[in-house]
């Protein structure tokens, strides 16, 4: 029985090691995938930024021209109102007053449009700054993950190159390496479970307990 217990101990140790390595590989793969998704999103934003900024600048320019025109229109309407007020024609004074009010309303709309255009351009520029910071953070994260993966012989890959393109290229390679490594560890654990099943059949005359290899060790020692 002592020999069987030593075998069971060894199988339990190998099972624990494999389970721990599988958890580590799964966690690394999730982190690599999160990094890849983040880098993809940032790269897409940065690629689209020049075009988006050009659109915002054009909108701001158009709004500025409209605002200048609205100022001119109001000045003209107020001059016309001032002239009308010096006359006795009530209809003309009323019409000029309405025109001046319409010009004031149009100016306010033009001001709001210009404010919105400026705010949208500023928001886009702040987003660009934020995405630039995120890109640097993703590069650092990829480098740290690359070092952790390099410490696992069966999953080691070349470290990521600089830039988001380097992160994306590395994440694809790292993900593949981790999948292959996980498959190898899973196969080794399956082998441990088969050996434990054979031990259970021969020593206890029954299948491997539901608790797995650790449960087999307890059954043999009881």
C-alpha atoms as a PDB file:
ATOM      1  CA  UNK A   1       0.000   0.000   0.000  1.00  0.00           C
ATOM      2  CA  UNK A   2       2.884   2.348   0.751  1.00  0.00           C
ATOM      3  CA  UNK A   3       4.090   1.961  -2.820  1.00  0.00           C
ATOM      4  CA  UNK A   4       0.602   2.761  -4.105  1.00  0.00           C
ATOM      5  CA  UNK A   5       0.466   5.864  -1.919  1.00  0.00           C
ATOM      6  CA  UNK A   6       3.779   7.078  -3.314  1.00  0.00           C
ATOM      7  CA  UNK A   7       2.457   6.589  -6.838  1.00  0.00           C
ATOM      8  CA  UNK A   8      -0.757   8.390  -5.941  1.00  0.00           C
ATOM      9  CA  UNK A   9       1.232  11.255  -4.381  1.00  0.00           C
ATOM     10  CA  UNK A  10       3.280  11.620  -7.537  1.00  0.00           C
ATOM     11  CA  UNK A  11       0.157  11.574  -9.717  1.00  0.00           C
ATOM     12  CA  UNK A  12      -1.498  14.182  -7.470  1.00  0.00           C
ATOM     13  CA  UNK A  13       1.584  16.394  -7.693  1.00  0.00           C
ATOM     14  CA  UNK A  14       1.666  16.136 -11.481  1.00  0.00           C
ATOM     15  CA  UNK A  15      -2.068  16.825 -11.657  1.00  0.00           C
ATOM     16  CA  UNK A  16      -1.718  19.909  -9.453  1.00  0.00           C
ATOM     17  CA  UNK A  17       1.212  21.177 -11.508  1.00  0.00           C
ATOM     18  CA  UNK A  18      -0.710  20.709 -14.748  1.00  0.00           C
ATOM     19  CA  UNK A  19      -3.821  22.392 -13.347  1.00  0.00           C
ATOM     20  CA  UNK A  20      -1.762  25.339 -12.140  1.00  0.00           C
ATOM     21  CA  UNK A  21      -0.023  25.669 -15.507  1.00  0.00           C
ATOM     22  CA  UNK A  22      -3.347  25.529 -17.335  1.00  0.00           C
ATOM     23  CA  UNK A  23      -4.706  28.338 -15.179  1.00  0.00           C
ATOM     24  CA  UNK A  24      -1.592  30.398 -15.835  1.00  0.00           C
ATOM     25  CA  UNK A  25      -1.780  29.810 -19.583  1.00  0.00           C
ATOM     26  CA  UNK A  26      -5.492  30.657 -19.664  1.00  0.00           C
ATOM     27  CA  UNK A  27      -4.909  33.866 -17.703  1.00  0.00           C
ATOM     28  CA  UNK A  28      -2.075  34.886 -20.017  1.00  0.00           C
ATOM     29  CA  UNK A  29      -4.162  34.167 -23.087  1.00  0.00           C
ATOM     30  CA  UNK A  30      -6.969  36.372 -21.737  1.00  0.00           C
ATOM     31  CA  UNK A  31      -4.517  39.190 -21.069  1.00  0.00           C
ATOM     32  CA  UNK A  32      -2.979  38.831 -24.513  1.00  0.00           C
ATOM     33  CA  UNK A  33      -6.432  38.921 -26.094  1.00  0.00           C
ATOM     34  CA  UNK A  34      -7.399  42.014 -24.086  1.00  0.00           C
ATOM     35  CA  UNK A  35      -4.186  43.674 -25.224  1.00  0.00           C
ATOM     36  CA  UNK A  36      -4.832  42.719 -28.849  1.00  0.00           C
ATOM     37  CA  UNK A  37      -8.406  44.051 -28.748  1.00  0.00           C
ATOM     38  CA  UNK A  38      -7.241  47.281 -27.134  1.00  0.00           C
ATOM     39  CA  UNK A  39      -4.422  47.763 -29.636  1.00  0.00           C
ATOM     40  CA  UNK A  40      -6.802  47.104 -32.534  1.00  0.00           C
ATOM     41  CA  UNK A  41      -9.225  49.769 -31.293  1.00  0.00           C
ATOM     42  CA  UNK A  42      -6.493  52.348 -30.674  1.00  0.00           C
ATOM     43  CA  UNK A  43      -4.878  51.687 -34.044  1.00  0.00           C
ATOM     44  CA  UNK A  44      -8.247  52.129 -35.776  1.00  0.00           C
ATOM     45  CA  UNK A  45      -8.841  55.442 -33.977  1.00  0.00           C
ATOM     46  CA  UNK A  46      -5.392  56.788 -34.784  1.00  0.00           C
ATOM     47  CA  UNK A  47      -5.690  55.738 -38.427  1.00  0.00           C
ATOM     48  CA  UNK A  48      -9.031  57.525 -38.759  1.00  0.00           C
ATOM     49  CA  UNK A  49      -7.938  60.603 -36.789  1.00  0.00           C
ATOM     50  CA  UNK A  50      -6.452  62.715 -39.611  1.00  0.00           C
ATOM     51  CA  UNK A  51      -9.615  62.406 -41.678  1.00  0.00           C
ATOM     52  CA  UNK A  52     -11.872  63.011 -38.690  1.00  0.00           C
ATOM     53  CA  UNK A  53      -9.849  66.076 -37.674  1.00  0.00           C
ATOM     54  CA  UNK A  54     -10.053  67.474 -41.200  1.00  0.00           C
ATOM     55  CA  UNK A  55     -13.841  67.138 -41.071  1.00  0.00           C
ATOM     56  CA  UNK A  56     -14.021  68.880 -37.697  1.00  0.00           C
ATOM     57  CA  UNK A  57     -11.749  71.710 -38.862  1.00  0.00           C
ATOM     58  CA  UNK A  58     -13.870  72.180 -41.970  1.00  0.00           C
ATOM     59  CA  UNK A  59     -17.016  72.315 -39.843  1.00  0.00           C
ATOM     60  CA  UNK A  60     -15.357  74.858 -37.565  1.00  0.00           C
ATOM     61  CA  UNK A  61     -14.313  76.954 -40.552  1.00  0.00           C
ATOM     62  CA  UNK A  62     -17.801  76.883 -42.068  1.00  0.00           C
ATOM     63  CA  UNK A  63     -19.295  77.812 -38.701  1.00  0.00           C
ATOM     64  CA  UNK A  64     -16.857  80.723 -38.349  1.00  0.00           C
ATOM     65  CA  UNK A  65     -17.790  82.049 -41.786  1.00  0.00           C
ATOM     66  CA  UNK A  66     -21.494  81.721 -40.941  1.00  0.00           C
ATOM     67  CA  UNK A  67     -20.898  83.527 -37.642  1.00  0.00           C
ATOM     68  CA  UNK A  68     -19.141  86.421 -39.375  1.00  0.00           C
ATOM     69  CA  UNK A  69     -22.021  86.632 -41.833  1.00  0.00           C
ATOM     70  CA  UNK A  70     -24.533  86.657 -38.997  1.00  0.00           C
ATOM     71  CA  UNK A  71     -22.670  89.535 -37.320  1.00  0.00           C
ATOM     72  CA  UNK A  72     -22.743  91.490 -40.584  1.00  0.00           C
ATOM     73  CA  UNK A  73     -26.444  90.741 -41.091  1.00  0.00           C
ATOM     74  CA  UNK A  74     -27.275  91.929 -37.591  1.00  0.00           C
ATOM     75  CA  UNK A  75     -25.297  95.130 -38.045  1.00  0.00           C
ATOM     76  CA  UNK A  76     -27.160  95.811 -41.276  1.00  0.00           C
ATOM     77  CA  UNK A  77     -30.530  95.023 -39.674  1.00  0.00           C
ATOM     78  CA  UNK A  78     -29.803  97.356 -36.754  1.00  0.00           C
ATOM     79  CA  UNK A  79     -28.831 100.159 -39.156  1.00  0.00           C
ATOM     80  CA  UNK A  80     -32.086  99.631 -41.021  1.00  0.00           C
ATOM     81  CA  UNK A  81     -34.015  99.675 -37.752  1.00  0.00           C
ATOM     82  CA  UNK A  82     -32.312 102.894 -36.688  1.00  0.00           C
ATOM     83  CA  UNK A  83     -33.284 104.512 -39.987  1.00  0.00           C
ATOM     84  CA  UNK A  84     -36.869 103.263 -39.733  1.00  0.00           C
ATOM     85  CA  UNK A  85     -37.260 104.599 -36.210  1.00  0.00           C
ATOM     86  CA  UNK A  86     -36.529 108.108 -37.518  1.00  0.00           C
ATOM     87  CA  UNK A  87     -39.554 107.907 -39.782  1.00  0.00           C
ATOM     88  CA  UNK A  88     -43.271 107.986 -39.124  1.00  0.00           C
ATOM     89  CA  UNK A  89     -44.024 104.770 -41.008  1.00  0.00           C
ATOM     90  CA  UNK A  90     -45.117 102.307 -38.321  1.00  0.00           C
ATOM     91  CA  UNK A  91     -45.215  99.396 -40.751  1.00  0.00           C
ATOM     92  CA  UNK A  92     -41.591  99.963 -41.768  1.00  0.00           C
ATOM     93  CA  UNK A  93     -40.508 100.334 -38.128  1.00  0.00           C
ATOM     94  CA  UNK A  94     -42.268  97.056 -37.244  1.00  0.00           C
ATOM     95  CA  UNK A  95     -40.756  95.271 -40.214  1.00  0.00           C
ATOM     96  CA  UNK A  96     -37.281  96.566 -39.389  1.00  0.00           C
ATOM     97  CA  UNK A  97     -37.700  95.549 -35.734  1.00  0.00           C
ATOM     98  CA  UNK A  98     -38.699  92.049 -36.783  1.00  0.00           C
ATOM     99  CA  UNK A  99     -35.764  91.829 -39.167  1.00  0.00           C
ATOM    100  CA  UNK A 100     -33.393  92.922 -36.405  1.00  0.00           C
ATOM    101  CA  UNK A 101     -34.821  90.332 -34.001  1.00  0.00           C
ATOM    102  CA  UNK A 102     -34.508  87.633 -36.657  1.00  0.00           C
ATOM    103  CA  UNK A 103     -30.889  88.695 -37.194  1.00  0.00           C
ATOM    104  CA  UNK A 104     -30.238  88.448 -33.447  1.00  0.00           C
ATOM    105  CA  UNK A 105     -31.769  84.964 -33.383  1.00  0.00           C
ATOM    106  CA  UNK A 106     -29.701  83.934 -36.392  1.00  0.00           C
ATOM    107  CA  UNK A 107     -26.570  85.274 -34.710  1.00  0.00           C
ATOM    108  CA  UNK A 108     -27.284  83.253 -31.585  1.00  0.00           C
ATOM    109  CA  UNK A 109     -27.762  80.107 -33.672  1.00  0.00           C
ATOM    110  CA  UNK A 110     -24.496  80.828 -35.499  1.00  0.00           C
ATOM    111  CA  UNK A 111     -22.712  81.313 -32.176  1.00  0.00           C
ATOM    112  CA  UNK A 112     -24.047  78.015 -30.872  1.00  0.00           C
ATOM    113  CA  UNK A 113     -23.015  76.261 -34.075  1.00  0.00           C
ATOM    114  CA  UNK A 114     -19.511  77.703 -33.795  1.00  0.00           C
ATOM    115  CA  UNK A 115     -19.316  76.684 -30.131  1.00  0.00           C
ATOM    116  CA  UNK A 116     -20.411  73.143 -30.966  1.00  0.00           C
ATOM    117  CA  UNK A 117     -17.923  72.887 -33.816  1.00  0.00           C
ATOM    118  CA  UNK A 118     -15.100  74.071 -31.566  1.00  0.00           C
ATOM    119  CA  UNK A 119     -16.159  71.729 -28.770  1.00  0.00           C
ATOM    120  CA  UNK A 120     -16.292  68.746 -31.154  1.00  0.00           C
ATOM    121  CA  UNK A 121     -12.845  69.524 -32.526  1.00  0.00           C
ATOM    122  CA  UNK A 122     -11.466  69.909 -28.985  1.00  0.00           C
ATOM    123  CA  UNK A 123     -13.131  66.667 -27.915  1.00  0.00           C
ATOM    124  CA  UNK A 124     -11.548  64.846 -30.850  1.00  0.00           C
ATOM    125  CA  UNK A 125      -8.120  66.267 -30.005  1.00  0.00           C
ATOM    126  CA  UNK A 126      -8.487  65.229 -26.363  1.00  0.00           C
ATOM    127  CA  UNK A 127      -9.464  61.763 -27.575  1.00  0.00           C
ATOM    128  CA  UNK A 128      -6.329  61.680 -29.698  1.00  0.00           C
ATOM    129  CA  UNK A 129      -4.176  62.563 -26.691  1.00  0.00           C
ATOM    130  CA  UNK A 130      -5.929  59.896 -24.602  1.00  0.00           C
ATOM    131  CA  UNK A 131      -5.503  57.267 -27.308  1.00  0.00           C
ATOM    132  CA  UNK A 132      -1.835  58.167 -27.613  1.00  0.00           C
ATOM    133  CA  UNK A 133      -1.416  57.545 -23.893  1.00  0.00           C
ATOM    134  CA  UNK A 134      -3.356  54.287 -24.215  1.00  0.00           C
ATOM    135  CA  UNK A 135      -1.083  53.187 -27.057  1.00  0.00           C
ATOM    136  CA  UNK A 136       1.980  53.714 -24.849  1.00  0.00           C
ATOM    137  CA  UNK A 137       0.270  51.811 -22.019  1.00  0.00           C
ATOM    138  CA  UNK A 138      -0.536  48.903 -24.345  1.00  0.00           C
ATOM    139  CA  UNK A 139       3.073  48.764 -25.518  1.00  0.00           C
ATOM    140  CA  UNK A 140       4.256  48.552 -21.910  1.00  0.00           C
ATOM    141  CA  UNK A 141       1.668  45.886 -21.121  1.00  0.00           C
ATOM    142  CA  UNK A 142       2.683  43.837 -24.160  1.00  0.00           C
ATOM    143  CA  UNK A 143       6.330  44.051 -23.141  1.00  0.00           C
ATOM    144  CA  UNK A 144       5.511  42.852 -19.616  1.00  0.00           C
ATOM    145  CA  UNK A 145       3.357  40.015 -20.937  1.00  0.00           C
ATOM    146  CA  UNK A 146       6.072  39.087 -23.411  1.00  0.00           C
ATOM    147  CA  UNK A 147       8.552  38.732 -20.559  1.00  0.00           C
ATOM    148  CA  UNK A 148       6.148  36.513 -18.606  1.00  0.00           C
ATOM    149  CA  UNK A 149       5.477  34.311 -21.618  1.00  0.00           C
ATOM    150  CA  UNK A 150       9.188  34.086 -22.433  1.00  0.00           C
ATOM    151  CA  UNK A 151       9.689  32.507 -18.995  1.00  0.00           C
ATOM    152  CA  UNK A 152       7.469  29.583 -20.057  1.00  0.00           C
ATOM    153  CA  UNK A 153       9.682  27.370 -22.262  1.00  0.00           C
ATOM    154  CA  UNK A 154       6.826  25.691 -24.096  1.00  0.00           C
ATOM    155  CA  UNK A 155       5.181  29.057 -24.962  1.00  0.00           C
ATOM    156  CA  UNK A 156       8.221  31.326 -25.446  1.00  0.00           C
ATOM    157  CA  UNK A 157       7.941  33.802 -28.344  1.00  0.00           C
ATOM    158  CA  UNK A 158       9.970  36.741 -29.587  1.00  0.00           C
ATOM    159  CA  UNK A 159       9.226  39.932 -27.594  1.00  0.00           C
ATOM    160  CA  UNK A 160       6.994  42.548 -29.207  1.00  0.00           C
ATOM    161  CA  UNK A 161       8.494  45.218 -31.415  1.00  0.00           C
ATOM    162  CA  UNK A 162       7.762  48.862 -30.679  1.00  0.00           C
ATOM    163  CA  UNK A 163       4.563  50.534 -31.803  1.00  0.00           C
ATOM    164  CA  UNK A 164       1.014  49.269 -32.101  1.00  0.00           C
ATOM    165  CA  UNK A 165       1.843  47.240 -35.192  1.00  0.00           C
ATOM    166  CA  UNK A 166       4.485  45.427 -33.149  1.00  0.00           C
ATOM    167  CA  UNK A 167       1.937  44.788 -30.387  1.00  0.00           C
ATOM    168  CA  UNK A 168      -0.613  43.413 -32.854  1.00  0.00           C
ATOM    169  CA  UNK A 169       1.940  41.175 -34.574  1.00  0.00           C
ATOM    170  CA  UNK A 170       3.233  39.888 -31.240  1.00  0.00           C
ATOM    171  CA  UNK A 171      -0.238  39.288 -29.792  1.00  0.00           C
ATOM    172  CA  UNK A 172      -1.125  37.076 -32.755  1.00  0.00           C
ATOM    173  CA  UNK A 173       2.043  35.007 -32.309  1.00  0.00           C
ATOM    174  CA  UNK A 174       1.710  34.873 -28.524  1.00  0.00           C
ATOM    175  CA  UNK A 175      -1.901  33.757 -28.707  1.00  0.00           C
ATOM    176  CA  UNK A 176      -0.977  30.916 -31.055  1.00  0.00           C
ATOM    177  CA  UNK A 177       1.933  29.850 -28.857  1.00  0.00           C
ATOM    178  CA  UNK A 178      -0.261  29.825 -25.759  1.00  0.00           C
ATOM    179  CA  UNK A 179      -2.911  27.724 -27.483  1.00  0.00           C
ATOM    180  CA  UNK A 180      -0.292  25.173 -28.509  1.00  0.00           C
ATOM    181  CA  UNK A 181       1.222  25.194 -25.012  1.00  0.00           C
ATOM    182  CA  UNK A 182      -2.164  24.707 -23.395  1.00  0.00           C
ATOM    183  CA  UNK A 183      -2.917  21.786 -25.682  1.00  0.00           C
ATOM    184  CA  UNK A 184       0.341  20.136 -24.601  1.00  0.00           C
ATOM    185  CA  UNK A 185      -0.338  20.629 -20.894  1.00  0.00           C
ATOM    186  CA  UNK A 186      -3.920  19.410 -21.271  1.00  0.00           C
ATOM    187  CA  UNK A 187      -2.643  16.274 -22.987  1.00  0.00           C
ATOM    188  CA  UNK A 188      -0.189  15.686 -20.129  1.00  0.00           C
ATOM    189  CA  UNK A 189      -2.942  16.092 -17.559  1.00  0.00           C
ATOM    190  CA  UNK A 190      -5.155  13.676 -19.467  1.00  0.00           C
ATOM    191  CA  UNK A 191      -2.305  11.177 -19.270  1.00  0.00           C
ATOM    192  CA  UNK A 192      -2.085  11.676 -15.499  1.00  0.00           C
ATOM    193  CA  UNK A 193      -5.823  11.093 -15.152  1.00  0.00           C
ATOM    194  CA  UNK A 194      -5.602   7.906 -17.229  1.00  0.00           C
ATOM    195  CA  UNK A 195      -2.785   6.609 -15.041  1.00  0.00           C
ATOM    196  CA  UNK A 196      -4.788   7.497 -11.934  1.00  0.00           C
ATOM    197  CA  UNK A 197      -7.811   5.690 -13.345  1.00  0.00           C
ATOM    198  CA  UNK A 198      -5.743   2.604 -13.974  1.00  0.00           C
ATOM    199  CA  UNK A 199      -4.382   2.793 -10.425  1.00  0.00           C
ATOM    200  CA  UNK A 200      -7.879   3.142  -9.002  1.00  0.00           C
ATOM    201  CA  UNK A 201      -9.135   0.152 -10.968  1.00  0.00           C
ATOM    202  CA  UNK A 202      -6.245  -2.026  -9.885  1.00  0.00           C
ATOM    203  CA  UNK A 203      -6.031  -0.901  -6.252  1.00  0.00           C
ATOM    204  CA  UNK A 204      -9.700  -0.247  -5.426  1.00  0.00           C
ATOM    205  CA  UNK A 205     -11.502  -2.170  -8.130  1.00  0.00           C
ATOM    206  CA  UNK A 206     -13.525   0.914  -9.077  1.00  0.00           C
ATOM    207  CA  UNK A 207     -13.287   3.933 -11.390  1.00  0.00           C
ATOM    208  CA  UNK A 208     -11.427   7.088 -10.427  1.00  0.00           C
ATOM    209  CA  UNK A 209     -13.416   8.918  -7.704  1.00  0.00           C
ATOM    210  CA  UNK A 210     -15.354  12.025  -8.738  1.00  0.00           C
ATOM    211  CA  UNK A 211     -12.871  14.210  -6.883  1.00  0.00           C
ATOM    212  CA  UNK A 212     -10.115  13.199  -9.277  1.00  0.00           C
ATOM    213  CA  UNK A 213      -6.518  12.333  -8.449  1.00  0.00           C
ATOM    214  CA  UNK A 214      -6.581  14.044  -5.042  1.00  0.00           C
ATOM    215  CA  UNK A 215      -9.650  12.034  -4.045  1.00  0.00           C
ATOM    216  CA  UNK A 216      -7.883   8.834  -5.096  1.00  0.00           C
ATOM    217  CA  UNK A 217      -5.007   9.670  -2.741  1.00  0.00           C
ATOM    218  CA  UNK A 218      -7.453  10.116   0.139  1.00  0.00           C
ATOM    219  CA  UNK A 219      -9.227   6.864  -0.642  1.00  0.00           C
ATOM    220  CA  UNK A 220      -5.962   4.923  -0.681  1.00  0.00           C
ATOM    221  CA  UNK A 221      -4.840   6.413   2.628  1.00  0.00           C
ATOM    222  CA  UNK A 222      -8.120   5.742   4.417  1.00  0.00           C
END
